[in-house]
Amino acid sequence: MHTVAKTFLFEAAHYLPGLAEDHPCSRTHGHSYQLTVALTADTLAGPGFVLDFRDMAPIKKWVDETLDHQLLNHQLPTVIPTSENLAEHVGRWVVPSLLELPTGVTVASVAVSETAKSSAVWTP
């Protein structure tokens, strides 16, 4: 089994509804996010790729146009923007809609980090 991963960086704000008023995440606040998409395959194609990293460019474009310097609650109105929910949304909906994955290549995981010390990982 082979796995490749690419990390995309963006700055964004969010708030989490339903928390106590004194909880810091109930207020609008920002993070320097890292979004890491990992793809896996049993066999390698071409010169030895799971997928050419350049073929992941549509994800960068989507991140830059949809998430970067935005209020995530407005950009993804059906997603409560926790790291866990963002990771699942990207893995379940965004990656399959943006990338034409070759036969045998699947999403292994998607990780979202809000800070240098915390992250959430979604695996299908």
Protein backbone atom coordinates (compact mmCIF):
# COMPACT_ATOMS: atom_id res chain seq x y z
CA MET A 1 0.00 0.00 0.00
CA HIS A 2 1.28 3.47 -0.93
CA THR A 3 0.06 6.78 0.46
CA VAL A 4 0.78 10.35 -0.60
CA ALA A 5 -0.35 13.47 1.20
CA LYS A 6 -0.46 17.14 0.34
CA THR A 7 -1.04 19.99 2.77
CA PHE A 8 -2.91 23.17 1.91
CA LEU A 9 -2.71 26.29 4.09
CA PHE A 10 -5.37 28.91 4.61
CA GLU A 11 -6.44 31.61 7.04
CA ALA A 12 -10.08 31.72 8.05
CA ALA A 13 -12.50 32.62 10.81
CA HIS A 14 -15.36 30.67 12.31
CA TYR A 15 -17.58 30.37 15.35
CA LEU A 16 -19.26 27.33 16.82
CA PRO A 17 -22.95 27.68 17.58
CA GLY A 18 -24.48 25.98 20.59
CA LEU A 19 -21.58 26.51 22.97
CA ALA A 20 -21.84 28.38 26.24
CA GLU A 21 -21.56 32.13 25.83
CA ASP A 22 -18.30 32.19 27.79
CA HIS A 23 -16.69 29.50 25.61
CA PRO A 24 -14.03 31.18 23.40
CA CYS A 25 -15.14 29.24 20.31
CA SER A 26 -18.68 30.64 20.55
CA ARG A 27 -17.28 33.98 19.40
CA THR A 28 -15.99 34.67 15.89
CA HIS A 29 -12.25 34.00 15.86
CA GLY A 30 -9.58 33.03 13.35
CA HIS A 31 -7.05 30.28 12.75
CA SER A 32 -4.14 29.48 10.49
CA TYR A 33 -5.46 26.19 9.13
CA GLN A 34 -3.63 23.24 7.63
CA LEU A 35 -5.68 20.86 5.49
CA THR A 36 -3.91 17.61 4.58
CA VAL A 37 -5.39 15.23 2.02
CA ALA A 38 -3.91 11.72 1.88
CA LEU A 39 -4.54 9.38 -1.05
CA THR A 40 -3.70 5.68 -1.19
CA ALA A 41 -3.26 2.95 -3.80
CA ASP A 42 -2.11 -0.66 -3.90
CA THR A 43 -0.04 -0.11 -7.03
CA LEU A 44 1.82 2.83 -8.51
CA ALA A 45 1.12 4.33 -11.93
CA GLY A 46 3.35 6.07 -14.46
CA PRO A 47 6.83 6.70 -13.19
CA GLY A 48 5.84 5.59 -9.68
CA PHE A 49 2.95 7.78 -8.50
CA VAL A 50 -0.15 7.17 -6.43
CA LEU A 51 -1.21 10.45 -8.04
CA ASP A 52 0.96 13.24 -9.42
CA PHE A 53 0.97 16.00 -6.78
CA ARG A 54 0.20 18.48 -9.57
CA ASP A 55 -3.12 16.70 -10.09
CA MET A 56 -4.15 17.90 -6.63
CA ALA A 57 -4.08 21.54 -7.82
CA PRO A 58 -7.91 21.75 -7.96
CA ILE A 59 -7.98 21.29 -4.19
CA LYS A 60 -5.62 24.24 -3.73
CA LYS A 61 -7.78 26.35 -6.04
CA TRP A 62 -10.92 25.39 -4.06
CA VAL A 63 -9.20 26.19 -0.75
CA ASP A 64 -7.94 29.54 -2.03
CA GLU A 65 -11.29 30.54 -3.56
CA THR A 66 -13.68 29.10 -0.97
CA LEU A 67 -11.95 29.05 2.42
CA ASP A 68 -8.99 31.43 2.51
CA HIS A 69 -9.71 34.67 4.40
CA GLN A 70 -13.39 33.80 4.75
CA LEU A 71 -15.88 33.22 7.54
CA LEU A 72 -16.36 29.46 7.25
CA ASN A 73 -19.89 29.59 8.68
CA HIS A 74 -20.93 31.64 5.64
CA GLN A 75 -18.88 29.74 3.06
CA LEU A 76 -20.05 26.28 4.16
CA PRO A 77 -23.51 26.97 5.59
CA THR A 78 -24.46 23.29 5.92
CA VAL A 79 -21.29 22.43 7.89
CA ILE A 80 -20.72 23.36 11.54
CA PRO A 81 -17.05 24.31 11.06
CA THR A 82 -15.31 22.17 13.64
CA SER A 83 -12.06 20.58 12.48
CA GLU A 84 -13.78 17.20 12.53
CA ASN A 85 -16.65 18.35 10.32
CA LEU A 86 -14.36 20.21 7.92
CA ALA A 87 -12.18 17.12 7.48
CA GLU A 88 -15.18 14.91 6.74
CA HIS A 89 -16.73 17.44 4.36
CA VAL A 90 -13.51 17.73 2.35
CA GLY A 91 -12.95 13.97 2.26
CA ARG A 92 -16.49 12.92 1.51
CA TRP A 93 -17.59 15.70 -0.88
CA VAL A 94 -14.84 18.06 -2.01
CA VAL A 95 -12.07 15.65 -3.04
CA PRO A 96 -14.35 13.31 -5.05
CA SER A 97 -15.99 16.26 -6.82
CA LEU A 98 -12.69 17.97 -7.74
CA LEU A 99 -10.36 15.09 -8.57
CA GLU A 100 -10.74 12.34 -11.12
CA LEU A 101 -9.02 9.66 -9.10
CA PRO A 102 -7.56 6.83 -11.17
CA THR A 103 -8.91 3.34 -10.58
CA GLY A 104 -7.53 2.00 -7.33
CA VAL A 105 -6.74 5.41 -5.80
CA THR A 106 -8.87 6.33 -2.79
CA VAL A 107 -8.98 8.95 -0.07
CA ALA A 108 -7.04 7.53 2.88
CA SER A 109 -7.67 10.45 5.23
CA VAL A 110 -8.20 14.17 5.54
CA ALA A 111 -6.71 16.09 8.47
CA VAL A 112 -7.55 19.61 9.56
CA SER A 113 -5.38 21.53 12.03
CA GLU A 114 -6.53 24.79 13.55
CA THR A 115 -3.35 25.24 15.56
CA ALA A 116 0.15 23.79 15.58
CA LYS A 117 -0.85 21.48 18.44
CA SER A 118 -4.32 20.24 17.51
CA SER A 119 -5.82 18.38 14.58
CA ALA A 120 -8.73 16.19 13.58
CA VAL A 121 -8.51 13.34 11.09
CA TRP A 122 -11.32 11.81 9.03
CA THR A 123 -10.89 8.39 7.47
CA PRO A 124 -13.52 6.78 5.26
